[in-house]
N, C-alpha and C. Protein backbone atom coordinates (compact mmCIF):
# COMPACT_ATOMS: atom_id res chain seq x y z
N ALA A 1 -4.67 2.98 -16.52
CA ALA A 1 -4.15 3.25 -15.19
C ALA A 1 -3.02 4.26 -15.31
N VAL A 2 -3.09 5.29 -14.52
CA VAL A 2 -2.07 6.33 -14.51
C VAL A 2 -1.23 6.15 -13.25
N VAL A 3 0.10 6.23 -13.39
CA VAL A 3 0.98 5.98 -12.26
C VAL A 3 0.83 7.02 -11.18
N SER A 4 0.87 8.29 -11.52
CA SER A 4 0.82 9.34 -10.51
C SER A 4 -0.58 9.43 -9.92
N THR A 5 -0.64 9.54 -8.60
CA THR A 5 -1.94 9.70 -7.95
C THR A 5 -2.08 11.09 -7.36
N GLN A 6 -1.09 11.95 -7.56
CA GLN A 6 -1.12 13.30 -7.00
C GLN A 6 -1.47 14.30 -8.09
N SER A 7 -2.40 15.19 -7.80
CA SER A 7 -2.78 16.17 -8.81
C SER A 7 -1.60 17.08 -9.12
N GLY A 8 -1.46 17.44 -10.37
CA GLY A 8 -0.37 18.30 -10.79
C GLY A 8 0.91 17.56 -11.10
N HIS A 9 0.97 16.27 -10.83
CA HIS A 9 2.15 15.48 -11.14
C HIS A 9 1.97 14.81 -12.49
N TYR A 10 3.08 14.63 -13.18
CA TYR A 10 3.04 13.97 -14.48
C TYR A 10 2.56 12.53 -14.31
N GLY A 11 1.65 12.15 -15.12
CA GLY A 11 1.17 10.77 -15.12
C GLY A 11 0.88 10.36 -16.54
N ARG A 12 1.12 9.13 -16.86
CA ARG A 12 0.79 8.66 -18.20
C ARG A 12 0.22 7.26 -18.10
N GLU A 13 -0.43 6.87 -19.14
CA GLU A 13 -1.04 5.55 -19.15
C GLU A 13 0.04 4.47 -19.09
N LEU A 14 -0.22 3.44 -18.32
CA LEU A 14 0.71 2.33 -18.22
C LEU A 14 0.52 1.38 -19.40
N ASN A 15 1.60 0.73 -19.79
CA ASN A 15 1.49 -0.36 -20.74
C ASN A 15 0.70 -1.48 -20.05
N PRO A 16 -0.03 -2.28 -20.79
CA PRO A 16 -0.82 -3.34 -20.16
C PRO A 16 0.01 -4.25 -19.23
N GLU A 17 1.24 -4.57 -19.60
CA GLU A 17 2.03 -5.46 -18.74
C GLU A 17 2.37 -4.80 -17.40
N SER A 18 2.46 -3.48 -17.38
CA SER A 18 2.81 -2.77 -16.15
C SER A 18 1.66 -2.72 -15.15
N THR A 19 0.44 -3.03 -15.59
CA THR A 19 -0.66 -3.04 -14.64
C THR A 19 -0.45 -4.12 -13.58
N LEU A 20 0.36 -5.13 -13.89
CA LEU A 20 0.66 -6.18 -12.92
C LEU A 20 1.47 -5.66 -11.73
N ILE A 21 2.22 -4.58 -11.94
CA ILE A 21 3.04 -4.02 -10.87
C ILE A 21 2.59 -2.61 -10.50
N LYS A 22 1.36 -2.27 -10.87
CA LYS A 22 0.84 -0.91 -10.66
C LYS A 22 0.89 -0.49 -9.19
N GLU A 23 0.47 -1.36 -8.29
CA GLU A 23 0.46 -0.98 -6.87
C GLU A 23 1.85 -0.61 -6.38
N GLN A 24 2.85 -1.38 -6.78
CA GLN A 24 4.22 -1.09 -6.37
C GLN A 24 4.71 0.22 -6.99
N LEU A 25 4.36 0.48 -8.24
CA LEU A 25 4.77 1.72 -8.90
C LEU A 25 4.13 2.93 -8.23
N VAL A 26 2.85 2.82 -7.90
CA VAL A 26 2.17 3.92 -7.23
C VAL A 26 2.82 4.18 -5.87
N LYS A 27 3.12 3.12 -5.14
CA LYS A 27 3.77 3.28 -3.83
C LYS A 27 5.11 3.99 -3.96
N LEU A 28 5.91 3.60 -4.94
CA LEU A 28 7.20 4.26 -5.15
C LEU A 28 7.01 5.74 -5.50
N ASN A 29 6.09 6.02 -6.42
CA ASN A 29 5.88 7.39 -6.87
C ASN A 29 5.30 8.29 -5.79
N THR A 30 4.54 7.74 -4.88
CA THR A 30 3.99 8.55 -3.80
C THR A 30 4.97 8.67 -2.63
N ASN A 31 6.13 8.00 -2.73
CA ASN A 31 7.16 8.09 -1.70
C ASN A 31 8.45 8.72 -2.25
N ASN A 32 8.29 9.67 -3.16
CA ASN A 32 9.40 10.49 -3.68
C ASN A 32 10.39 9.76 -4.58
N PHE A 33 9.97 8.66 -5.18
CA PHE A 33 10.76 8.02 -6.22
C PHE A 33 9.98 8.23 -7.52
N PHE A 34 10.65 8.74 -8.54
CA PHE A 34 9.98 9.01 -9.81
C PHE A 34 10.33 7.89 -10.78
N THR A 35 9.42 6.95 -10.96
CA THR A 35 9.66 5.82 -11.84
C THR A 35 9.52 6.25 -13.29
N VAL A 36 10.44 5.79 -14.14
CA VAL A 36 10.41 6.18 -15.55
C VAL A 36 10.31 4.99 -16.50
N ASN A 37 10.67 3.80 -16.04
CA ASN A 37 10.62 2.63 -16.91
C ASN A 37 10.63 1.39 -16.03
N SER A 38 9.87 0.38 -16.42
CA SER A 38 9.82 -0.85 -15.65
C SER A 38 9.18 -1.95 -16.47
N GLN A 39 9.40 -3.17 -16.01
CA GLN A 39 8.68 -4.31 -16.58
C GLN A 39 8.64 -5.42 -15.54
N PRO A 40 7.52 -6.14 -15.49
CA PRO A 40 7.43 -7.28 -14.58
C PRO A 40 8.14 -8.50 -15.16
N ALA A 41 8.47 -9.43 -14.29
CA ALA A 41 9.06 -10.69 -14.75
C ALA A 41 7.99 -11.52 -15.46
N VAL A 42 8.41 -12.26 -16.46
CA VAL A 42 7.51 -13.17 -17.19
C VAL A 42 8.25 -14.48 -17.39
N ASN A 43 7.57 -15.56 -17.10
CA ASN A 43 8.19 -16.87 -17.21
C ASN A 43 7.32 -17.77 -18.09
N ALA A 44 7.67 -17.88 -19.35
CA ALA A 44 7.04 -18.79 -20.31
C ALA A 44 5.62 -18.40 -20.70
N ALA A 45 5.37 -17.12 -20.87
CA ALA A 45 4.08 -16.71 -21.45
C ALA A 45 4.11 -17.09 -22.93
N LYS A 46 3.00 -17.53 -23.45
CA LYS A 46 2.95 -17.90 -24.87
C LYS A 46 3.10 -16.67 -25.74
N SER A 47 3.70 -16.84 -26.90
CA SER A 47 3.96 -15.70 -27.79
C SER A 47 2.68 -15.04 -28.29
N ASN A 48 1.55 -15.70 -28.17
CA ASN A 48 0.28 -15.09 -28.56
C ASN A 48 -0.49 -14.54 -27.35
N ASP A 49 0.17 -14.46 -26.19
CA ASP A 49 -0.45 -13.91 -25.00
C ASP A 49 -0.92 -12.49 -25.27
N GLN A 50 -2.11 -12.12 -24.78
CA GLN A 50 -2.70 -10.81 -25.05
C GLN A 50 -1.88 -9.66 -24.47
N VAL A 51 -1.15 -9.90 -23.39
CA VAL A 51 -0.39 -8.84 -22.74
C VAL A 51 1.09 -8.91 -23.09
N PHE A 52 1.70 -10.08 -22.99
CA PHE A 52 3.15 -10.21 -23.15
C PHE A 52 3.59 -10.74 -24.51
N GLY A 53 2.66 -11.25 -25.29
CA GLY A 53 3.02 -11.94 -26.52
C GLY A 53 3.64 -11.08 -27.60
N TRP A 54 4.58 -11.67 -28.32
CA TRP A 54 5.19 -11.08 -29.50
C TRP A 54 6.03 -12.17 -30.17
N GLY A 55 6.49 -11.94 -31.37
CA GLY A 55 7.35 -12.89 -32.06
C GLY A 55 6.57 -13.99 -32.76
N PRO A 56 7.33 -15.02 -33.23
CA PRO A 56 6.70 -16.10 -33.99
C PRO A 56 5.67 -16.87 -33.15
N LYS A 57 4.69 -17.44 -33.83
CA LYS A 57 3.69 -18.20 -33.08
C LYS A 57 4.32 -19.47 -32.51
N ASN A 58 3.70 -19.97 -31.47
CA ASN A 58 4.15 -21.16 -30.73
C ASN A 58 5.46 -20.92 -29.97
N GLY A 59 5.80 -19.66 -29.75
CA GLY A 59 6.98 -19.34 -28.95
C GLY A 59 6.60 -19.03 -27.52
N TYR A 60 7.61 -18.73 -26.73
CA TYR A 60 7.41 -18.40 -25.31
C TYR A 60 8.19 -17.15 -24.96
N ILE A 61 7.65 -16.38 -24.04
CA ILE A 61 8.26 -15.12 -23.61
C ILE A 61 8.83 -15.28 -22.22
N TYR A 62 10.08 -14.86 -22.07
CA TYR A 62 10.76 -14.79 -20.78
C TYR A 62 11.34 -13.39 -20.66
N GLN A 63 11.15 -12.77 -19.53
CA GLN A 63 11.78 -11.47 -19.32
C GLN A 63 12.03 -11.27 -17.83
N LYS A 64 13.14 -10.60 -17.55
CA LYS A 64 13.48 -10.29 -16.17
C LYS A 64 12.79 -8.99 -15.77
N ALA A 65 12.46 -8.91 -14.50
CA ALA A 65 11.87 -7.67 -13.97
C ALA A 65 12.96 -6.63 -13.84
N TYR A 66 12.59 -5.37 -14.09
CA TYR A 66 13.52 -4.28 -13.83
C TYR A 66 12.74 -3.01 -13.53
N LEU A 67 13.45 -2.05 -12.97
CA LEU A 67 12.84 -0.78 -12.61
C LEU A 67 13.87 0.32 -12.77
N GLU A 68 13.50 1.40 -13.43
CA GLU A 68 14.34 2.60 -13.53
C GLU A 68 13.60 3.72 -12.82
N PHE A 69 14.34 4.49 -12.01
CA PHE A 69 13.70 5.58 -11.28
C PHE A 69 14.73 6.61 -10.86
N PHE A 70 14.22 7.78 -10.52
CA PHE A 70 15.04 8.85 -9.95
C PHE A 70 14.85 8.83 -8.44
N ALA A 71 15.95 9.07 -7.71
CA ALA A 71 15.89 9.13 -6.25
C ALA A 71 16.90 10.15 -5.77
N SER A 72 16.68 10.67 -4.59
CA SER A 72 17.63 11.62 -3.99
C SER A 72 18.90 10.88 -3.59
N SER A 73 19.98 11.62 -3.38
CA SER A 73 21.24 11.01 -2.94
C SER A 73 21.08 10.29 -1.61
N SER A 74 20.35 10.90 -0.69
CA SER A 74 20.18 10.27 0.62
C SER A 74 19.36 8.99 0.51
N ASP A 75 18.33 8.98 -0.33
CA ASP A 75 17.55 7.75 -0.54
C ASP A 75 18.39 6.69 -1.24
N THR A 76 19.24 7.12 -2.15
CA THR A 76 20.10 6.17 -2.87
C THR A 76 21.01 5.43 -1.91
N LYS A 77 21.55 6.12 -0.93
CA LYS A 77 22.42 5.48 0.07
C LYS A 77 21.66 4.40 0.83
N VAL A 78 20.43 4.68 1.21
CA VAL A 78 19.61 3.70 1.93
C VAL A 78 19.29 2.52 1.02
N ILE A 79 18.95 2.80 -0.23
CA ILE A 79 18.65 1.74 -1.18
C ILE A 79 19.85 0.82 -1.36
N LEU A 80 21.03 1.40 -1.48
CA LEU A 80 22.25 0.59 -1.64
C LEU A 80 22.49 -0.32 -0.45
N GLU A 81 22.24 0.18 0.74
CA GLU A 81 22.40 -0.65 1.93
C GLU A 81 21.49 -1.87 1.87
N GLN A 82 20.29 -1.67 1.36
CA GLN A 82 19.34 -2.79 1.23
C GLN A 82 19.72 -3.73 0.09
N ILE A 83 20.02 -3.18 -1.06
CA ILE A 83 20.35 -3.99 -2.24
C ILE A 83 21.58 -4.87 -1.97
N ASN A 84 22.55 -4.33 -1.30
CA ASN A 84 23.78 -5.09 -1.05
C ASN A 84 23.57 -6.32 -0.17
N GLN A 85 22.41 -6.44 0.44
CA GLN A 85 22.08 -7.63 1.21
C GLN A 85 21.59 -8.78 0.32
N TYR A 86 21.37 -8.49 -0.96
CA TYR A 86 20.85 -9.48 -1.90
C TYR A 86 21.78 -9.58 -3.11
N PRO A 87 22.76 -10.48 -3.05
CA PRO A 87 23.76 -10.55 -4.12
C PRO A 87 23.20 -10.91 -5.50
N VAL A 88 21.98 -11.42 -5.58
CA VAL A 88 21.41 -11.76 -6.89
C VAL A 88 20.86 -10.54 -7.62
N LEU A 89 20.74 -9.40 -6.92
CA LEU A 89 20.26 -8.17 -7.56
C LEU A 89 21.42 -7.43 -8.21
N SER A 90 21.16 -6.86 -9.35
CA SER A 90 22.17 -6.03 -10.01
C SER A 90 21.57 -4.63 -10.19
N TYR A 91 22.45 -3.65 -10.28
CA TYR A 91 21.99 -2.28 -10.40
C TYR A 91 23.04 -1.42 -11.10
N THR A 92 22.58 -0.31 -11.60
CA THR A 92 23.43 0.74 -12.15
C THR A 92 22.95 2.05 -11.57
N ILE A 93 23.87 2.85 -11.07
CA ILE A 93 23.52 4.14 -10.50
C ILE A 93 24.30 5.22 -11.24
N ALA A 94 23.61 6.27 -11.59
CA ALA A 94 24.26 7.41 -12.26
C ALA A 94 23.77 8.69 -11.62
N ASN A 95 24.65 9.67 -11.58
CA ASN A 95 24.25 11.00 -11.12
C ASN A 95 24.86 12.05 -12.04
N LYS A 96 24.39 13.27 -11.92
CA LYS A 96 24.82 14.33 -12.83
C LYS A 96 26.33 14.54 -12.84
N PRO A 97 27.01 14.61 -11.66
CA PRO A 97 28.47 14.82 -11.71
C PRO A 97 29.24 13.57 -12.16
N GLY A 98 28.57 12.44 -12.25
CA GLY A 98 29.27 11.22 -12.68
C GLY A 98 30.15 10.59 -11.62
N THR A 99 29.84 10.87 -10.36
CA THR A 99 30.64 10.29 -9.28
C THR A 99 30.22 8.85 -9.02
N ASP A 100 31.16 8.07 -8.50
CA ASP A 100 30.89 6.67 -8.19
C ASP A 100 30.14 6.53 -6.89
N TRP A 101 29.43 5.44 -6.77
CA TRP A 101 28.74 5.12 -5.52
C TRP A 101 29.52 4.02 -4.89
């Protein structure tokens, strides 16, 4: 599965775990957000799971969902307005001049 659905845009194969969030990634990428890194949440997948497994046998995998992407300054302002309504979400924002948000 390739994230970009527009011809001429950079697209690369998704990791198998990212296929679980493929629809959301495609939606973001087709709406002017350039996703560069992400992972879905996992709650107690076995360490031998075909998609999420790693580490010693008989273990369990837990991971938090996250998303890294590029967005315009104006979109970032809108995103912040939404994120600030959910105190359980955390974020880091950076821009080229290094100004604070």
